[in-house]
Amino acid sequence: MAFSETFKALADPARRRILTLLKEGPLSAGEIASNFDMTAASVSYHLAALKKAELITETREKNYIYYQLNASVLEEVMLWISDLKGGAQ
């Protein structure tokens, strides 16, 4: 995992909102898009950036693709930040 891709993906408010939506469970692209006032292509662009950063994964079921949060990457970032911060002083 490259932290640069993770932080780049997290920098965008729309992507952070997508992650918040996925916190509740897997959603299709259409379900995600219904929460935004943007084109399907824009939502697809944001999903691709989140996948590239490994913040989300996808599962195919019949004609649908469901996206879900990959919490392990977020845990790695939190551990790194915690380690960087050091112990309480």
PDB file of N, CA and C in Angstrom:
ATOM      1  N   MET A   1       0.847  -1.182   0.000  1.00  0.00           N
ATOM      2  CA  MET A   1       0.000   0.000   0.000  1.00  0.00           C
ATOM      3  C   MET A   1       0.889   1.240   0.000  1.00  0.00           C
ATOM      4  N   ALA A   2       0.547   2.180  -0.839  1.00  0.00           N
ATOM      5  CA  ALA A   2       1.279   3.444  -0.905  1.00  0.00           C
ATOM      6  C   ALA A   2       0.455   4.518  -0.185  1.00  0.00           C
ATOM      7  N   PHE A   3       1.043   5.071   0.874  1.00  0.00           N
ATOM      8  CA  PHE A   3       0.325   6.096   1.618  1.00  0.00           C
ATOM      9  C   PHE A   3      -0.015   7.287   0.742  1.00  0.00           C
ATOM     10  N   SER A   4       0.817   7.577  -0.252  1.00  0.00           N
ATOM     11  CA  SER A   4       0.541   8.732  -1.105  1.00  0.00           C
ATOM     12  C   SER A   4      -0.794   8.572  -1.826  1.00  0.00           C
ATOM     13  N   GLU A   5      -1.085   7.378  -2.316  1.00  0.00           N
ATOM     14  CA  GLU A   5      -2.379   7.138  -2.986  1.00  0.00           C
ATOM     15  C   GLU A   5      -3.521   7.221  -1.983  1.00  0.00           C
ATOM     16  N   THR A   6      -3.292   6.715  -0.790  1.00  0.00           N
ATOM     17  CA  THR A   6      -4.331   6.744   0.240  1.00  0.00           C
ATOM     18  C   THR A   6      -4.678   8.175   0.616  1.00  0.00           C
ATOM     19  N   PHE A   7      -3.649   8.989   0.901  1.00  0.00           N
ATOM     20  CA  PHE A   7      -3.907  10.369   1.293  1.00  0.00           C
ATOM     21  C   PHE A   7      -4.494  11.178   0.150  1.00  0.00           C
ATOM     22  N   LYS A   8      -4.066  10.898  -1.071  1.00  0.00           N
ATOM     23  CA  LYS A   8      -4.634  11.584  -2.240  1.00  0.00           C
ATOM     24  C   LYS A   8      -6.126  11.270  -2.349  1.00  0.00           C
ATOM     25  N   ALA A   9      -6.486  10.012  -2.153  1.00  0.00           N
ATOM     26  CA  ALA A   9      -7.896   9.618  -2.230  1.00  0.00           C
ATOM     27  C   ALA A   9      -8.705  10.238  -1.093  1.00  0.00           C
ATOM     28  N   LEU A  10      -8.117  10.281   0.089  1.00  0.00           N
ATOM     29  CA  LEU A  10      -8.829  10.825   1.253  1.00  0.00           C
ATOM     30  C   LEU A  10      -8.961  12.346   1.211  1.00  0.00           C
ATOM     31  N   ALA A  11      -8.178  13.001   0.377  1.00  0.00           N
ATOM     32  CA  ALA A  11      -8.201  14.462   0.309  1.00  0.00           C
ATOM     33  C   ALA A  11      -9.493  15.002  -0.292  1.00  0.00           C
ATOM     34  N   ASP A  12     -10.195  14.187  -1.060  1.00  0.00           N
ATOM     35  CA  ASP A  12     -11.401  14.658  -1.744  1.00  0.00           C
ATOM     36  C   ASP A  12     -12.643  14.439  -0.875  1.00  0.00           C
ATOM     37  N   PRO A  13     -13.448  15.484  -0.650  1.00  0.00           N
ATOM     38  CA  PRO A  13     -14.639  15.351   0.203  1.00  0.00           C
ATOM     39  C   PRO A  13     -15.658  14.339  -0.328  1.00  0.00           C
ATOM     40  N   ALA A  14     -15.819  14.237  -1.632  1.00  0.00           N
ATOM     41  CA  ALA A  14     -16.771  13.276  -2.195  1.00  0.00           C
ATOM     42  C   ALA A  14     -16.327  11.848  -1.881  1.00  0.00           C
ATOM     43  N   ARG A  15     -15.038  11.604  -1.960  1.00  0.00           N
ATOM     44  CA  ARG A  15     -14.530  10.257  -1.665  1.00  0.00           C
ATOM     45  C   ARG A  15     -14.685   9.926  -0.191  1.00  0.00           C
ATOM     46  N   ARG A  16     -14.463  10.911   0.665  1.00  0.00           N
ATOM     47  CA  ARG A  16     -14.664  10.677   2.097  1.00  0.00           C
ATOM     48  C   ARG A  16     -16.129  10.377   2.378  1.00  0.00           C
ATOM     49  N   ARG A  17     -17.020  11.040   1.657  1.00  0.00           N
ATOM     50  CA  ARG A  17     -18.455  10.786   1.835  1.00  0.00           C
ATOM     51  C   ARG A  17     -18.811   9.380   1.358  1.00  0.00           C
ATOM     52  N   ILE A  18     -18.208   8.939   0.257  1.00  0.00           N
ATOM     53  CA  ILE A  18     -18.439   7.579  -0.227  1.00  0.00           C
ATOM     54  C   ILE A  18     -17.997   6.571   0.831  1.00  0.00           C
ATOM     55  N   LEU A  19     -16.831   6.801   1.432  1.00  0.00           N
ATOM     56  CA  LEU A  19     -16.346   5.897   2.474  1.00  0.00           C
ATOM     57  C   LEU A  19     -17.308   5.867   3.660  1.00  0.00           C
ATOM     58  N   THR A  20     -17.853   7.013   4.012  1.00  0.00           N
ATOM     59  CA  THR A  20     -18.824   7.076   5.107  1.00  0.00           C
ATOM     60  C   THR A  20     -20.072   6.273   4.767  1.00  0.00           C
ATOM     61  N   LEU A  21     -20.530   6.372   3.529  1.00  0.00           N
ATOM     62  CA  LEU A  21     -21.686   5.580   3.094  1.00  0.00           C
ATOM     63  C   LEU A  21     -21.394   4.083   3.181  1.00  0.00           C
ATOM     64  N   LEU A  22     -20.192   3.701   2.771  1.00  0.00           N
ATOM     65  CA  LEU A  22     -19.826   2.286   2.754  1.00  0.00           C
ATOM     66  C   LEU A  22     -19.557   1.738   4.148  1.00  0.00           C
ATOM     67  N   LYS A  23     -19.426   2.610   5.108  1.00  0.00           N
ATOM     68  CA  LYS A  23     -19.245   2.175   6.491  1.00  0.00           C
ATOM     69  C   LYS A  23     -20.440   1.348   6.959  1.00  0.00           C
ATOM     70  N   GLU A  24     -21.609   1.638   6.401  1.00  0.00           N
ATOM     71  CA  GLU A  24     -22.838   0.937   6.785  1.00  0.00           C
ATOM     72  C   GLU A  24     -22.981  -0.418   6.095  1.00  0.00           C
ATOM     73  N   GLY A  25     -22.173  -0.660   5.055  1.00  0.00           N
ATOM     74  CA  GLY A  25     -22.238  -1.937   4.346  1.00  0.00           C
ATOM     75  C   GLY A  25     -22.083  -1.739   2.849  1.00  0.00           C
ATOM     76  N   PRO A  26     -21.998  -2.854   2.112  1.00  0.00           N
ATOM     77  CA  PRO A  26     -21.792  -2.789   0.655  1.00  0.00           C
ATOM     78  C   PRO A  26     -22.929  -2.073  -0.073  1.00  0.00           C
ATOM     79  N   LEU A  27     -22.561  -1.324  -1.111  1.00  0.00           N
ATOM     80  CA  LEU A  27     -23.532  -0.624  -1.948  1.00  0.00           C
ATOM     81  C   LEU A  27     -23.129  -0.763  -3.403  1.00  0.00           C
ATOM     82  N   SER A  28     -24.121  -0.732  -4.278  1.00  0.00           N
ATOM     83  CA  SER A  28     -23.843  -0.720  -5.715  1.00  0.00           C
ATOM     84  C   SER A  28     -23.473   0.700  -6.130  1.00  0.00           C
ATOM     85  N   ALA A  29     -22.928   0.835  -7.318  1.00  0.00           N
ATOM     86  CA  ALA A  29     -22.571   2.163  -7.830  1.00  0.00           C
ATOM     87  C   ALA A  29     -23.805   3.053  -7.918  1.00  0.00           C
ATOM     88  N   GLY A  30     -24.921   2.490  -8.328  1.00  0.00           N
ATOM     89  CA  GLY A  30     -26.166   3.255  -8.421  1.00  0.00           C
ATOM     90  C   GLY A  30     -26.637   3.752  -7.067  1.00  0.00           C
ATOM     91  N   GLU A  31     -26.516   2.892  -6.054  1.00  0.00           N
ATOM     92  CA  GLU A  31     -26.904   3.292  -4.701  1.00  0.00           C
ATOM     93  C   GLU A  31     -25.998   4.407  -4.183  1.00  0.00           C
ATOM     94  N   ILE A  32     -24.717   4.305  -4.505  1.00  0.00           N
ATOM     95  CA  ILE A  32     -23.781   5.359  -4.100  1.00  0.00           C
ATOM     96  C   ILE A  32     -24.117   6.655  -4.834  1.00  0.00           C
ATOM     97  N   ALA A  33     -24.327   6.560  -6.142  1.00  0.00           N
ATOM     98  CA  ALA A  33     -24.599   7.742  -6.968  1.00  0.00           C
ATOM     99  C   ALA A  33     -25.868   8.478  -6.532  1.00  0.00           C
ATOM    100  N   SER A  34     -26.843   7.738  -6.005  1.00  0.00           N
ATOM    101  CA  SER A  34     -28.101   8.370  -5.593  1.00  0.00           C
ATOM    102  C   SER A  34     -27.914   9.350  -4.436  1.00  0.00           C
ATOM    103  N   ASN A  35     -26.765   9.309  -3.789  1.00  0.00           N
ATOM    104  CA  ASN A  35     -26.467  10.212  -2.676  1.00  0.00           C
ATOM    105  C   ASN A  35     -25.722  11.471  -3.107  1.00  0.00           C
ATOM    106  N   PHE A  36     -25.495  11.604  -4.415  1.00  0.00           N
ATOM    107  CA  PHE A  36     -24.697  12.720  -4.922  1.00  0.00           C
ATOM    108  C   PHE A  36     -25.420  13.418  -6.056  1.00  0.00           C
ATOM    109  N   ASP A  37     -25.078  14.681  -6.256  1.00  0.00           N
ATOM    110  CA  ASP A  37     -25.574  15.446  -7.386  1.00  0.00           C
ATOM    111  C   ASP A  37     -24.433  15.573  -8.391  1.00  0.00           C
ATOM    112  N   MET A  38     -24.061  14.415  -8.975  1.00  0.00           N
ATOM    113  CA  MET A  38     -22.997  14.389  -9.980  1.00  0.00           C
ATOM    114  C   MET A  38     -23.310  13.280 -10.975  1.00  0.00           C
ATOM    115  N   THR A  39     -22.633  13.325 -12.092  1.00  0.00           N
ATOM    116  CA  THR A  39     -22.879  12.332 -13.138  1.00  0.00           C
ATOM    117  C   THR A  39     -22.368  10.961 -12.694  1.00  0.00           C
ATOM    118  N   ALA A  40     -22.896   9.928 -13.343  1.00  0.00           N
ATOM    119  CA  ALA A  40     -22.441   8.563 -13.074  1.00  0.00           C
ATOM    120  C   ALA A  40     -20.951   8.424 -13.383  1.00  0.00           C
ATOM    121  N   ALA A  41     -20.488   9.133 -14.406  1.00  0.00           N
ATOM    122  CA  ALA A  41     -19.066   9.086 -14.768  1.00  0.00           C
ATOM    123  C   ALA A  41     -18.204   9.667 -13.641  1.00  0.00           C
ATOM    124  N   SER A  42     -18.675  10.724 -13.003  1.00  0.00           N
ATOM    125  CA  SER A  42     -17.935  11.318 -11.893  1.00  0.00           C
ATOM    126  C   SER A  42     -17.870  10.363 -10.706  1.00  0.00           C
ATOM    127  N   VAL A  43     -18.973   9.706 -10.402  1.00  0.00           N
ATOM    128  CA  VAL A  43     -18.989   8.730  -9.311  1.00  0.00           C
ATOM    129  C   VAL A  43     -18.034   7.585  -9.637  1.00  0.00           C
ATOM    130  N   SER A  44     -18.063   7.137 -10.873  1.00  0.00           N
ATOM    131  CA  SER A  44     -17.166   6.072 -11.317  1.00  0.00           C
ATOM    132  C   SER A  44     -15.699   6.481 -11.155  1.00  0.00           C
ATOM    133  N   TYR A  45     -15.395   7.721 -11.482  1.00  0.00           N
ATOM    134  CA  TYR A  45     -14.040   8.255 -11.331  1.00  0.00           C
ATOM    135  C   TYR A  45     -13.593   8.188  -9.865  1.00  0.00           C
ATOM    136  N   HIS A  46     -14.477   8.603  -8.962  1.00  0.00           N
ATOM    137  CA  HIS A  46     -14.157   8.586  -7.533  1.00  0.00           C
ATOM    138  C   HIS A  46     -14.002   7.147  -7.022  1.00  0.00           C
ATOM    139  N   LEU A  47     -14.860   6.252  -7.488  1.00  0.00           N
ATOM    140  CA  LEU A  47     -14.740   4.851  -7.085  1.00  0.00           C
ATOM    141  C   LEU A  47     -13.418   4.260  -7.565  1.00  0.00           C
ATOM    142  N   ALA A  48     -13.003   4.611  -8.766  1.00  0.00           N
ATOM    143  CA  ALA A  48     -11.733   4.113  -9.306  1.00  0.00           C
ATOM    144  C   ALA A  48     -10.557   4.619  -8.461  1.00  0.00           C
ATOM    145  N   ALA A  49     -10.609   5.870  -8.037  1.00  0.00           N
ATOM    146  CA  ALA A  49      -9.537   6.421  -7.203  1.00  0.00           C
ATOM    147  C   ALA A  49      -9.488   5.712  -5.850  1.00  0.00           C
ATOM    148  N   LEU A  50     -10.653   5.418  -5.281  1.00  0.00           N
ATOM    149  CA  LEU A  50     -10.704   4.708  -4.006  1.00  0.00           C
ATOM    150  C   LEU A  50     -10.202   3.271  -4.143  1.00  0.00           C
ATOM    151  N   LYS A  51     -10.530   2.633  -5.267  1.00  0.00           N
ATOM    152  CA  LYS A  51     -10.026   1.271  -5.520  1.00  0.00           C
ATOM    153  C   LYS A  51      -8.511   1.286  -5.707  1.00  0.00           C
ATOM    154  N   LYS A  52      -7.995   2.273  -6.435  1.00  0.00           N
ATOM    155  CA  LYS A  52      -6.555   2.372  -6.662  1.00  0.00           C
ATOM    156  C   LYS A  52      -5.817   2.529  -5.341  1.00  0.00           C
ATOM    157  N   ALA A  53      -6.405   3.248  -4.412  1.00  0.00           N
ATOM    158  CA  ALA A  53      -5.815   3.445  -3.094  1.00  0.00           C
ATOM    159  C   ALA A  53      -6.110   2.265  -2.162  1.00  0.00           C
ATOM    160  N   GLU A  54      -6.830   1.280  -2.663  1.00  0.00           N
ATOM    161  CA  GLU A  54      -7.204   0.082  -1.909  1.00  0.00           C
ATOM    162  C   GLU A  54      -8.067   0.386  -0.689  1.00  0.00           C
ATOM    163  N   LEU A  55      -8.787   1.507  -0.746  1.00  0.00           N
ATOM    164  CA  LEU A  55      -9.688   1.864   0.346  1.00  0.00           C
ATOM    165  C   LEU A  55     -11.034   1.159   0.225  1.00  0.00           C
ATOM    166  N   ILE A  56     -11.354   0.692  -0.976  1.00  0.00           N
ATOM    167  CA  ILE A  56     -12.577  -0.073  -1.195  1.00  0.00           C
ATOM    168  C   ILE A  56     -12.251  -1.302  -2.040  1.00  0.00           C
ATOM    169  N   THR A  57     -13.132  -2.281  -1.958  1.00  0.00           N
ATOM    170  CA  THR A  57     -13.041  -3.467  -2.803  1.00  0.00           C
ATOM    171  C   THR A  57     -14.382  -3.625  -3.505  1.00  0.00           C
ATOM    172  N   GLU A  58     -14.388  -4.460  -4.535  1.00  0.00           N
ATOM    173  CA  GLU A  58     -15.640  -4.689  -5.250  1.00  0.00           C
ATOM    174  C   GLU A  58     -15.918  -6.181  -5.329  1.00  0.00           C
ATOM    175  N   THR A  59     -17.210  -6.503  -5.342  1.00  0.00           N
ATOM    176  CA  THR A  59     -17.679  -7.869  -5.476  1.00  0.00           C
ATOM    177  C   THR A  59     -18.753  -7.883  -6.556  1.00  0.00           C
ATOM    178  N   ARG A  60     -18.630  -8.800  -7.491  1.00  0.00           N
ATOM    179  CA  ARG A  60     -19.624  -8.909  -8.559  1.00  0.00           C
ATOM    180  C   ARG A  60     -20.671  -9.953  -8.190  1.00  0.00           C
ATOM    181  N   GLU A  61     -21.936  -9.556  -8.327  1.00  0.00           N
ATOM    182  CA  GLU A  61     -23.063 -10.462  -8.113  1.00  0.00           C
ATOM    183  C   GLU A  61     -24.031 -10.265  -9.267  1.00  0.00           C
ATOM    184  N   LYS A  62     -24.113 -11.275 -10.115  1.00  0.00           N
ATOM    185  CA  LYS A  62     -24.930 -11.222 -11.328  1.00  0.00           C
ATOM    186  C   LYS A  62     -24.564  -9.989 -12.147  1.00  0.00           C
ATOM    187  N   ASN A  63     -25.503  -9.069 -12.336  1.00  0.00           N
ATOM    188  CA  ASN A  63     -25.247  -7.883 -13.164  1.00  0.00           C
ATOM    189  C   ASN A  63     -24.809  -6.664 -12.358  1.00  0.00           C
ATOM    190  N   TYR A  64     -24.537  -6.857 -11.098  1.00  0.00           N
ATOM    191  CA  TYR A  64     -24.218  -5.726 -10.231  1.00  0.00           C
ATOM    192  C   TYR A  64     -22.805  -5.848  -9.657  1.00  0.00           C
ATOM    193  N   ILE A  65     -22.217  -4.705  -9.379  1.00  0.00           N
ATOM    194  CA  ILE A  65     -20.941  -4.638  -8.668  1.00  0.00           C
ATOM    195  C   ILE A  65     -21.224  -3.921  -7.360  1.00  0.00           C
ATOM    196  N   TYR A  66     -20.848  -4.564  -6.267  1.00  0.00           N
ATOM    197  CA  TYR A  66     -21.028  -3.968  -4.955  1.00  0.00           C
ATOM    198  C   TYR A  66     -19.667  -3.549  -4.412  1.00  0.00           C
ATOM    199  N   TYR A  67     -19.637  -2.356  -3.854  1.00  0.00           N
ATOM    200  CA  TYR A  67     -18.414  -1.799  -3.288  1.00  0.00           C
ATOM    201  C   TYR A  67     -18.499  -1.874  -1.774  1.00  0.00           C
ATOM    202  N   GLN A  68     -17.359  -2.165  -1.158  1.00  0.00           N
ATOM    203  CA  GLN A  68     -17.336  -2.214   0.303  1.00  0.00           C
ATOM    204  C   GLN A  68     -16.036  -1.610   0.824  1.00  0.00           C
ATOM    205  N   LEU A  69     -16.109  -1.136   2.026  1.00  0.00           N
ATOM    206  CA  LEU A  69     -14.973  -0.492   2.683  1.00  0.00           C
ATOM    207  C   LEU A  69     -13.895  -1.528   2.985  1.00  0.00           C
ATOM    208  N   ASN A  70     -12.641  -1.159   2.730  1.00  0.00           N
ATOM    209  CA  ASN A  70     -11.497  -1.991   3.093  1.00  0.00           C
ATOM    210  C   ASN A  70     -10.857  -1.347   4.318  1.00  0.00           C
ATOM    211  N   ALA A  71     -11.348  -1.712   5.476  1.00  0.00           N
ATOM    212  CA  ALA A  71     -10.921  -1.073   6.719  1.00  0.00           C
ATOM    213  C   ALA A  71      -9.461  -1.347   7.054  1.00  0.00           C
ATOM    214  N   SER A  72      -8.890  -2.406   6.520  1.00  0.00           N
ATOM    215  CA  SER A  72      -7.505  -2.735   6.866  1.00  0.00           C
ATOM    216  C   SER A  72      -6.534  -1.635   6.431  1.00  0.00           C
ATOM    217  N   VAL A  73      -6.802  -0.982   5.306  1.00  0.00           N
ATOM    218  CA  VAL A  73      -5.928   0.110   4.864  1.00  0.00           C
ATOM    219  C   VAL A  73      -6.054   1.295   5.818  1.00  0.00           C
ATOM    220  N   LEU A  74      -7.270   1.592   6.237  1.00  0.00           N
ATOM    221  CA  LEU A  74      -7.465   2.681   7.191  1.00  0.00           C
ATOM    222  C   LEU A  74      -6.775   2.367   8.520  1.00  0.00           C
ATOM    223  N   GLU A  75      -6.817   1.115   8.926  1.00  0.00           N
ATOM    224  CA  GLU A  75      -6.142   0.713  10.159  1.00  0.00           C
ATOM    225  C   GLU A  75      -4.632   0.905  10.036  1.00  0.00           C
ATOM    226  N   GLU A  76      -4.059   0.573   8.872  1.00  0.00           N
ATOM    227  CA  GLU A  76      -2.627   0.776   8.664  1.00  0.00           C
ATOM    228  C   GLU A  76      -2.254   2.250   8.770  1.00  0.00           C
ATOM    229  N   VAL A  77      -3.078   3.121   8.191  1.00  0.00           N
ATOM    230  CA  VAL A  77      -2.820   4.563   8.260  1.00  0.00           C
ATOM    231  C   VAL A  77      -2.908   5.039   9.711  1.00  0.00           C
ATOM    232  N   MET A  78      -3.927   4.574  10.432  1.00  0.00           N
ATOM    233  CA  MET A  78      -4.088   4.980  11.828  1.00  0.00           C
ATOM    234  C   MET A  78      -2.919   4.493  12.676  1.00  0.00           C
ATOM    235  N   LEU A  79      -2.447   3.283  12.429  1.00  0.00           N
ATOM    236  CA  LEU A  79      -1.288   2.771  13.168  1.00  0.00           C
ATOM    237  C   LEU A  79      -0.048   3.595  12.874  1.00  0.00           C
ATOM    238  N   TRP A  80       0.145   3.957  11.617  1.00  0.00           N
ATOM    239  CA  TRP A  80       1.299   4.769  11.231  1.00  0.00           C
ATOM    240  C   TRP A  80       1.247   6.126  11.920  1.00  0.00           C
ATOM    241  N   ILE A  81       0.072   6.760  11.906  1.00  0.00           N
ATOM    242  CA  ILE A  81      -0.083   8.071  12.545  1.00  0.00           C
ATOM    243  C   ILE A  81       0.140   7.948  14.052  1.00  0.00           C
ATOM    244  N   SER A  82      -0.391   6.905  14.647  1.00  0.00           N
ATOM    245  CA  SER A  82      -0.211   6.684  16.073  1.00  0.00           C
ATOM    246  C   SER A  82       1.271   6.482  16.413  1.00  0.00           C
ATOM    247  N   ASP A  83       1.957   5.723  15.582  1.00  0.00           N
ATOM    248  CA  ASP A  83       3.390   5.492  15.782  1.00  0.00           C
ATOM    249  C   ASP A  83       4.180   6.784  15.597  1.00  0.00           C
ATOM    250  N   LEU A  84       3.792   7.585  14.611  1.00  0.00           N
ATOM    251  CA  LEU A  84       4.448   8.853  14.352  1.00  0.00           C
ATOM    252  C   LEU A  84       4.276   9.811  15.536  1.00  0.00           C
ATOM    253  N   LYS A  85       3.083   9.788  16.101  1.00  0.00           N
ATOM    254  CA  LYS A  85       2.777  10.656  17.244  1.00  0.00           C
ATOM    255  C   LYS A  85       3.611  10.268  18.459  1.00  0.00           C
ATOM    256  N   GLY A  86       3.848   8.978  18.625  1.00  0.00           N
ATOM    257  CA  GLY A  86       4.622   8.515  19.776  1.00  0.00           C
ATOM    258  C   GLY A  86       3.767   8.378  21.005  1.00  0.00           C
ATOM    259  N   GLY A  87       4.389   8.007  22.094  1.00  0.00           N
ATOM    260  CA  GLY A  87       3.674   7.813  23.359  1.00  0.00           C
ATOM    261  C   GLY A  87       3.245   9.118  23.981  1.00  0.00           C
ATOM    262  N   ALA A  88       2.332   9.024  24.923  1.00  0.00           N
ATOM    263  CA  ALA A  88       1.840  10.214  25.638  1.00  0.00           C
ATOM    264  C   ALA A  88       2.971  10.779  26.502  1.00  0.00           C
ATOM    265  N   GLN A  89       3.086  12.108  26.519  1.00  0.00           N
ATOM    266  CA  GLN A  89       4.157  12.742  27.276  1.00  0.00           C
ATOM    267  C   GLN A  89       3.616  13.759  28.226  1.00  0.00           C
TER     268      GLN A  89
END
